[in-house]
Each structure stands twice: as structure tokens, then as C-alpha cells.
C-alpha atoms as a PDB file:
ATOM      1  CA  MET A   1     -64.016 140.609  67.109  1.00  0.00           C
ATOM      2  CA  PRO A   2     -62.214 140.064  63.787  1.00  0.00           C
ATOM      3  CA  LEU A   3     -59.556 137.397  63.529  1.00  0.00           C
ATOM      4  CA  PRO A   4     -55.927 138.504  63.317  1.00  0.00           C
ATOM      5  CA  ARG A   5     -54.774 138.514  59.706  1.00  0.00           C
ATOM      6  CA  LEU A   6     -51.871 136.455  58.409  1.00  0.00           C
ATOM      7  CA  ILE A   7     -50.774 137.226  54.839  1.00  0.00           C
ATOM      8  CA  ILE A   8     -48.934 134.439  53.058  1.00  0.00           C
ATOM      9  CA  ALA A   9     -46.299 135.684  50.603  1.00  0.00           C
ATOM     10  CA  THR A  10     -47.393 133.366  47.798  1.00  0.00           C
ATOM     11  CA  ARG A  11     -49.725 133.066  44.825  1.00  0.00           C
ATOM     12  CA  ASN A  12     -49.749 129.264  45.212  1.00  0.00           C
ATOM     13  CA  ALA A  13     -53.341 128.355  46.096  1.00  0.00           C
ATOM     14  CA  HIS A  14     -52.315 124.866  47.317  1.00  0.00           C
ATOM     15  CA  LYS A  15     -49.830 126.350  49.792  1.00  0.00           C
ATOM     16  CA  THR A  16     -52.340 128.932  51.059  1.00  0.00           C
ATOM     17  CA  ALA A  17     -55.033 126.266  51.507  1.00  0.00           C
ATOM     18  CA  GLU A  18     -52.637 124.034  53.448  1.00  0.00           C
ATOM     19  CA  ILE A  19     -51.604 126.853  55.776  1.00  0.00           C
ATOM     20  CA  ARG A  20     -55.221 128.000  56.225  1.00  0.00           C
ATOM     21  CA  ALA A  21     -56.262 124.454  57.209  1.00  0.00           C
ATOM     22  CA  MET A  22     -53.360 124.151  59.642  1.00  0.00           C
ATOM     23  CA  THR A  23     -54.184 127.395  61.490  1.00  0.00           C
ATOM     24  CA  ASP A  24     -57.527 125.903  62.629  1.00  0.00           C
ATOM     25  CA  GLY A  25     -59.460 129.146  62.152  1.00  0.00           C
ATOM     26  CA  ARG A  26     -57.224 131.138  64.502  1.00  0.00           C
ATOM     27  CA  TYR A  27     -56.248 133.569  61.724  1.00  0.00           C
ATOM     28  CA  GLU A  28     -57.763 135.104  58.654  1.00  0.00           C
ATOM     29  CA  VAL A  29     -55.341 133.681  56.097  1.00  0.00           C
ATOM     30  CA  LEU A  30     -54.908 135.642  52.872  1.00  0.00           C
ATOM     31  CA  ASP A  31     -52.197 135.573  50.230  1.00  0.00           C
ATOM     32  CA  VAL A  32     -50.847 138.092  47.736  1.00  0.00           C
ATOM     33  CA  THR A  33     -53.629 137.352  45.236  1.00  0.00           C
ATOM     34  CA  SER A  34     -55.662 139.647  47.543  1.00  0.00           C
ATOM     35  CA  TYR A  35     -53.078 142.407  46.937  1.00  0.00           C
ATOM     36  CA  PRO A  36     -52.737 142.858  43.164  1.00  0.00           C
ATOM     37  CA  GLU A  37     -50.316 145.767  43.658  1.00  0.00           C
ATOM     38  CA  CYS A  38     -47.664 143.360  44.966  1.00  0.00           C
ATOM     39  CA  PRO A  39     -45.015 142.431  42.415  1.00  0.00           C
ATOM     40  CA  GLU A  40     -43.758 138.929  41.741  1.00  0.00           C
ATOM     41  CA  ILE A  41     -40.718 138.470  43.997  1.00  0.00           C
ATOM     42  CA  GLU A  42     -37.858 136.790  42.171  1.00  0.00           C
ATOM     43  CA  GLU A  43     -36.374 133.909  44.148  1.00  0.00           C
ATOM     44  CA  THR A  44     -32.677 134.441  43.481  1.00  0.00           C
ATOM     45  CA  GLY A  45     -31.403 132.890  46.715  1.00  0.00           C
ATOM     46  CA  THR A  46     -29.395 129.678  46.880  1.00  0.00           C
ATOM     47  CA  THR A  47     -30.984 128.479  50.139  1.00  0.00           C
ATOM     48  CA  PHE A  48     -34.560 128.112  51.349  1.00  0.00           C
ATOM     49  CA  LEU A  49     -33.922 130.782  54.010  1.00  0.00           C
ATOM     50  CA  GLU A  50     -32.600 133.309  51.477  1.00  0.00           C
ATOM     51  CA  ASN A  51     -35.634 132.837  49.234  1.00  0.00           C
ATOM     52  CA  ALA A  52     -38.090 132.973  52.143  1.00  0.00           C
ATOM     53  CA  ARG A  53     -36.470 136.224  53.322  1.00  0.00           C
ATOM     54  CA  LEU A  54     -36.656 137.782  49.851  1.00  0.00           C
ATOM     55  CA  LYS A  55     -40.398 137.127  49.719  1.00  0.00           C
ATOM     56  CA  ALA A  56     -41.094 138.118  53.329  1.00  0.00           C
ATOM     57  CA  PHE A  57     -39.172 141.389  53.113  1.00  0.00           C
ATOM     58  CA  GLY A  58     -40.496 142.325  49.678  1.00  0.00           C
ATOM     59  CA  ILE A  59     -44.162 141.710  50.467  1.00  0.00           C
ATOM     60  CA  SER A  60     -44.156 143.003  54.054  1.00  0.00           C
ATOM     61  CA  ALA A  61     -42.586 146.271  52.885  1.00  0.00           C
ATOM     62  CA  MET A  62     -45.677 146.834  50.693  1.00  0.00           C
ATOM     63  CA  ILE A  63     -48.476 145.497  52.907  1.00  0.00           C
ATOM     64  CA  ASP A  64     -49.407 146.653  56.381  1.00  0.00           C
ATOM     65  CA  GLY A  65     -49.619 143.534  58.506  1.00  0.00           C
ATOM     66  CA  LEU A  66     -48.046 140.260  59.473  1.00  0.00           C
ATOM     67  CA  VAL A  67     -46.508 138.456  56.489  1.00  0.00           C
ATOM     68  CA  LEU A  68     -45.428 134.826  56.445  1.00  0.00           C
ATOM     69  CA  SER A  69     -43.324 133.457  53.619  1.00  0.00           C
ATOM     70  CA  ASP A  70     -42.066 129.987  53.035  1.00  0.00           C
ATOM     71  CA  ASP A  71     -39.641 128.343  50.719  1.00  0.00           C
ATOM     72  CA  SER A  72     -39.669 124.623  50.598  1.00  0.00           C
ATOM     73  CA  GLY A  73     -38.598 121.706  48.518  1.00  0.00           C
ATOM     74  CA  LEU A  74     -37.381 118.164  48.260  1.00  0.00           C
ATOM     75  CA  GLU A  75     -33.839 117.062  49.092  1.00  0.00           C
ATOM     76  CA  VAL A  76     -32.795 113.648  47.765  1.00  0.00           C
ATOM     77  CA  ASP A  77     -29.635 112.113  49.237  1.00  0.00           C
ATOM     78  CA  ALA A  78     -28.703 110.135  46.098  1.00  0.00           C
ATOM     79  CA  LEU A  79     -28.856 113.375  44.084  1.00  0.00           C
ATOM     80  CA  GLY A  80     -26.631 115.352  46.455  1.00  0.00           C
ATOM     81  CA  GLY A  81     -29.604 117.206  47.934  1.00  0.00           C
ATOM     82  CA  ALA A  82     -31.216 118.055  44.587  1.00  0.00           C
ATOM     83  CA  PRO A  83     -33.686 119.318  43.532  1.00  0.00           C
ATOM     84  CA  GLY A  84     -33.518 121.477  46.694  1.00  0.00           C
ATOM     85  CA  VAL A  85     -34.279 125.170  46.135  1.00  0.00           C
ATOM     86  CA  TRP A  86     -34.980 124.391  42.479  1.00  0.00           C
ATOM     87  CA  SER A  87     -37.719 121.857  43.313  1.00  0.00           C
ATOM     88  CA  SER A  88     -40.522 123.781  41.610  1.00  0.00           C
ATOM     89  CA  SER A  89     -38.604 124.171  38.324  1.00  0.00           C
ATOM     90  CA  TYR A  90     -36.640 120.912  38.302  1.00  0.00           C
ATOM     91  CA  GLY A  91     -38.327 119.665  35.132  1.00  0.00           C
ATOM     92  CA  GLY A  92     -37.446 122.851  33.247  1.00  0.00           C
ATOM     93  CA  GLU A  93     -40.687 124.801  33.695  1.00  0.00           C
ATOM     94  CA  GLU A  94     -41.729 126.577  36.912  1.00  0.00           C
ATOM     95  CA  GLY A  95     -44.601 124.816  38.676  1.00  0.00           C
ATOM     96  CA  ASN A  96     -44.955 121.965  36.166  1.00  0.00           C
ATOM     97  CA  HIS A  97     -45.437 119.092  38.621  1.00  0.00           C
ATOM     98  CA  PRO A  98     -45.673 116.261  36.038  1.00  0.00           C
ATOM     99  CA  ARG A  99     -42.389 117.352  34.422  1.00  0.00           C
ATOM    100  CA  ASN A 100     -40.687 117.738  37.818  1.00  0.00           C
ATOM    101  CA  ASN A 101     -41.817 114.254  38.857  1.00  0.00           C
ATOM    102  CA  ALA A 102     -40.769 112.770  35.514  1.00  0.00           C
ATOM    103  CA  ARG A 103     -37.257 114.198  35.845  1.00  0.00           C
ATOM    104  CA  LEU A 104     -36.967 113.005  39.442  1.00  0.00           C
ATOM    105  CA  SER A 105     -38.072 109.471  38.465  1.00  0.00           C
ATOM    106  CA  GLN A 106     -35.611 109.462  35.570  1.00  0.00           C
ATOM    107  CA  GLU A 107     -32.701 110.618  37.760  1.00  0.00           C
ATOM    108  CA  MET A 108     -33.553 108.046  40.429  1.00  0.00           C
ATOM    109  CA  ALA A 109     -33.840 105.113  38.013  1.00  0.00           C
ATOM    110  CA  GLY A 110     -31.672 102.207  39.189  1.00  0.00           C
ATOM    111  CA  LYS A 111     -30.627 103.893  42.443  1.00  0.00           C
ATOM    112  CA  THR A 112     -30.889 101.855  45.634  1.00  0.00           C
ATOM    113  CA  GLU A 113     -30.329 104.857  47.966  1.00  0.00           C
ATOM    114  CA  ARG A 114     -33.844 106.355  48.159  1.00  0.00           C
ATOM    115  CA  ARG A 115     -33.713 108.540  51.302  1.00  0.00           C
ATOM    116  CA  ALA A 116     -35.138 112.036  50.960  1.00  0.00           C
ATOM    117  CA  ARG A 117     -36.767 114.787  52.948  1.00  0.00           C
ATOM    118  CA  PHE A 118     -39.086 117.701  52.422  1.00  0.00           C
ATOM    119  CA  ARG A 119     -37.740 120.882  54.007  1.00  0.00           C
ATOM    120  CA  CYS A 120     -39.670 124.071  54.707  1.00  0.00           C
ATOM    121  CA  THR A 121     -38.238 127.357  55.943  1.00  0.00           C
ATOM    122  CA  MET A 122     -40.640 130.104  57.016  1.00  0.00           C
ATOM    123  CA  VAL A 123     -39.937 133.770  57.705  1.00  0.00           C
ATOM    124  CA  LEU A 124     -42.315 135.996  59.630  1.00  0.00           C
ATOM    125  CA  ALA A 125     -41.990 139.693  58.829  1.00  0.00           C
ATOM    126  CA  ARG A 126     -43.653 143.053  59.329  1.00  0.00           C
ATOM    127  CA  GLY A 127     -42.793 146.355  57.664  1.00  0.00           C
ATOM    128  CA  GLY A 128     -39.922 144.876  55.654  1.00  0.00           C
ATOM    129  CA  ARG A 129     -38.195 143.456  58.748  1.00  0.00           C
ATOM    130  CA  GLU A 130     -37.790 139.875  59.935  1.00  0.00           C
ATOM    131  CA  LEU A 131     -39.421 138.976  63.233  1.00  0.00           C
ATOM    132  CA  ALA A 132     -38.232 135.356  63.258  1.00  0.00           C
ATOM    133  CA  HIS A 133     -37.579 132.348  61.045  1.00  0.00           C
ATOM    134  CA  PHE A 134     -38.431 128.663  61.447  1.00  0.00           C
ATOM    135  CA  SER A 135     -37.665 125.358  59.764  1.00  0.00           C
ATOM    136  CA  GLY A 136     -39.398 121.990  59.533  1.00  0.00           C
ATOM    137  CA  THR A 137     -38.486 118.718  57.847  1.00  0.00           C
ATOM    138  CA  VAL A 138     -40.102 115.360  57.226  1.00  0.00           C
ATOM    139  CA  GLU A 139     -37.904 112.368  56.387  1.00  0.00           C
ATOM    140  CA  GLY A 140     -38.929 109.660  53.976  1.00  0.00           C
ATOM    141  CA  ARG A 141     -38.060 107.918  50.740  1.00  0.00           C
ATOM    142  CA  ILE A 142     -38.651 108.231  47.007  1.00  0.00           C
ATOM    143  CA  ILE A 143     -40.525 105.406  45.304  1.00  0.00           C
ATOM    144  CA  GLU A 144     -40.113 104.296  41.701  1.00  0.00           C
ATOM    145  CA  GLU A 145     -43.627 105.035  40.386  1.00  0.00           C
ATOM    146  CA  SER A 146     -46.141 107.730  41.296  1.00  0.00           C
ATOM    147  CA  ARG A 147     -49.027 106.687  43.541  1.00  0.00           C
ATOM    148  CA  GLY A 148     -52.070 108.669  44.636  1.00  0.00           C
ATOM    149  CA  SER A 149     -53.993 111.651  43.334  1.00  0.00           C
ATOM    150  CA  GLN A 150     -54.179 114.000  46.327  1.00  0.00           C
ATOM    151  CA  GLY A 151     -51.651 116.658  47.270  1.00  0.00           C
ATOM    152  CA  PHE A 152     -49.348 118.361  44.780  1.00  0.00           C
ATOM    153  CA  GLY A 153     -45.725 118.567  43.714  1.00  0.00           C
ATOM    154  CA  TYR A 154     -43.655 115.492  44.588  1.00  0.00           C
ATOM    155  CA  ASP A 155     -46.341 114.052  46.919  1.00  0.00           C
ATOM    156  CA  PRO A 156     -47.049 111.013  44.653  1.00  0.00           C
ATOM    157  CA  LEU A 157     -43.376 109.926  44.832  1.00  0.00           C
ATOM    158  CA  PHE A 158     -42.690 110.525  48.546  1.00  0.00           C
ATOM    159  CA  ILE A 159     -43.448 108.099  51.398  1.00  0.00           C
ATOM    160  CA  PRO A 160     -42.856 109.602  54.863  1.00  0.00           C
ATOM    161  CA  ASN A 161     -41.030 107.448  57.411  1.00  0.00           C
ATOM    162  CA  GLY A 162     -43.365 105.200  59.387  1.00  0.00           C
ATOM    163  CA  HIS A 163     -45.857 104.891  56.520  1.00  0.00           C
ATOM    164  CA  GLU A 164     -46.366 102.733  53.441  1.00  0.00           C
ATOM    165  CA  SER A 165     -48.451 105.292  51.529  1.00  0.00           C
ATOM    166  CA  THR A 166     -47.313 108.387  49.655  1.00  0.00           C
ATOM    167  CA  PHE A 167     -48.368 111.874  50.703  1.00  0.00           C
ATOM    168  CA  ALA A 168     -50.687 111.796  47.664  1.00  0.00           C
ATOM    169  CA  GLU A 169     -52.373 108.656  49.063  1.00  0.00           C
ATOM    170  CA  LEU A 170     -52.456 109.675  52.735  1.00  0.00           C
ATOM    171  CA  GLY A 171     -54.627 112.704  52.023  1.00  0.00           C
ATOM    172  CA  GLU A 172     -54.661 116.273  53.231  1.00  0.00           C
ATOM    173  CA  GLU A 173     -55.631 115.617  56.846  1.00  0.00           C
ATOM    174  CA  VAL A 174     -52.742 113.210  57.520  1.00  0.00           C
ATOM    175  CA  LYS A 175     -50.262 115.215  55.424  1.00  0.00           C
ATOM    176  CA  ASN A 176     -51.129 118.385  57.335  1.00  0.00           C
ATOM    177  CA  ILE A 177     -50.077 116.651  60.568  1.00  0.00           C
ATOM    178  CA  LEU A 178     -46.853 115.105  59.232  1.00  0.00           C
ATOM    179  CA  SER A 179     -45.565 117.587  56.689  1.00  0.00           C
ATOM    180  CA  HIS A 180     -42.514 119.817  56.740  1.00  0.00           C
ATOM    181  CA  ARG A 181     -44.811 122.814  56.340  1.00  0.00           C
ATOM    182  CA  SER A 182     -46.956 121.810  59.325  1.00  0.00           C
ATOM    183  CA  ARG A 183     -43.836 121.369  61.471  1.00  0.00           C
ATOM    184  CA  ALA A 184     -42.524 124.821  60.576  1.00  0.00           C
ATOM    185  CA  LEU A 185     -45.966 126.403  60.943  1.00  0.00           C
ATOM    186  CA  ALA A 186     -46.448 124.867  64.408  1.00  0.00           C
ATOM    187  CA  GLN A 187     -43.352 126.813  65.494  1.00  0.00           C
ATOM    188  CA  VAL A 188     -44.727 130.002  63.892  1.00  0.00           C
ATOM    189  CA  LEU A 189     -48.078 129.643  65.674  1.00  0.00           C
ATOM    190  CA  ASP A 190     -46.337 128.933  68.981  1.00  0.00           C
ATOM    191  CA  TYR A 191     -44.226 132.071  68.508  1.00  0.00           C
ATOM    192  CA  LEU A 192     -47.312 134.174  67.716  1.00  0.00           C
ATOM    193  CA  ALA A 193     -49.254 132.723  70.658  1.00  0.00           C
ATOM    194  CA  LYS A 194     -46.546 134.043  72.967  1.00  0.00           C
ATOM    195  CA  GLY A 195     -47.496 137.552  71.892  1.00  0.00           C
ATOM    196  CA  ALA A 196     -44.976 138.287  69.159  1.00  0.00           C
END
């Protein structure tokens, strides 16, 4: 019997791989790279939920099946919640992790308040309509210099509460248990298990 299919509304291979690992083989996890007819959905929202909805509605209206979108980012208290929804373009170029990290380090220079969190909002949709939405966060702090080579994005600068290592040092297995994305996805999988 084939696995139920879950289509992730992203072209980000890191994000797809993380979600695939977290579903423990319960779903066939694909993303929009498997559907070349799908357009790039512009993220014009000012909140994670707005952006996740834009992607979920846009992709699920074009693909027959269950679509999961997520919008996530880093919120730093000393920066008034920035970079927030602009996390992936904070350094001036979409998806340029070294530039994003360099800008964050520069903006945090000399600051003693280091609290931050990763936030992830997920929207589950079918046929252009929302079934439900979910949110997960992981609290931690920003360090002064990057450490570690695993993970992506701001992982080398973020230490989750209760740990002394960054997400980039802890590795995929530990991150997939602790992360904002894993916390949101656990709610999604629980919702689906109840027969949604």
C-alpha cells in the first residue's frame, strides 16, 4: 500500500529534508520541485502565518493533494523581533546565509541582551483551502561568533536553551527533536493521525 503523500510548499531542499526526516517514513514527502508547473509564490505577508497561507493556498490550488507550507525565522529581542519574516533576506540577498549571519553579528555587536527564538508557522491545505495551522518555537540565545558546520541559516549563531552548543554543532538528529519546525510538525502529524 503506497504511503500517503505530503507535498511541502517549498523549493528549499534543506527544509524538505528536515521535514522528511521528522515524519519517520509515515509519508511520502515531496516538494514543489516535483511539480515544475507551480509558480514561485511571492511572500508578501508581514507575518509568518500570512506568508505560510500564501504558499499553502497558491500551491494547493494547483496540485491535487495535501499541501503543507511553513514560514519560519529568527526573532531577536534586542532587535525588536528582527529579522523575523525577513530572516532569509536579512543580509540583502534572498537565501544568502553567510550575509544574513554577518548582518546579524554586526547588529548584535556589543549587546548584552542575547535572547532569541526560532518561530515556525505551518499551514495545511487542500484544494486552495486551509485545513488548519500550527506554530512552534524554540527559545535560545545568539552568540558572538559562528560555531559549527551542520544545519543552515542562523544555526551557527543560535544556542537553544538548556544547551551549550549551537544548532550547527548539535547536528541534525538533535536539532530535529528540539527545533521550532519539529514542534510545529509534531502538531501537524498529530492532527493528521486523528483522520483529518
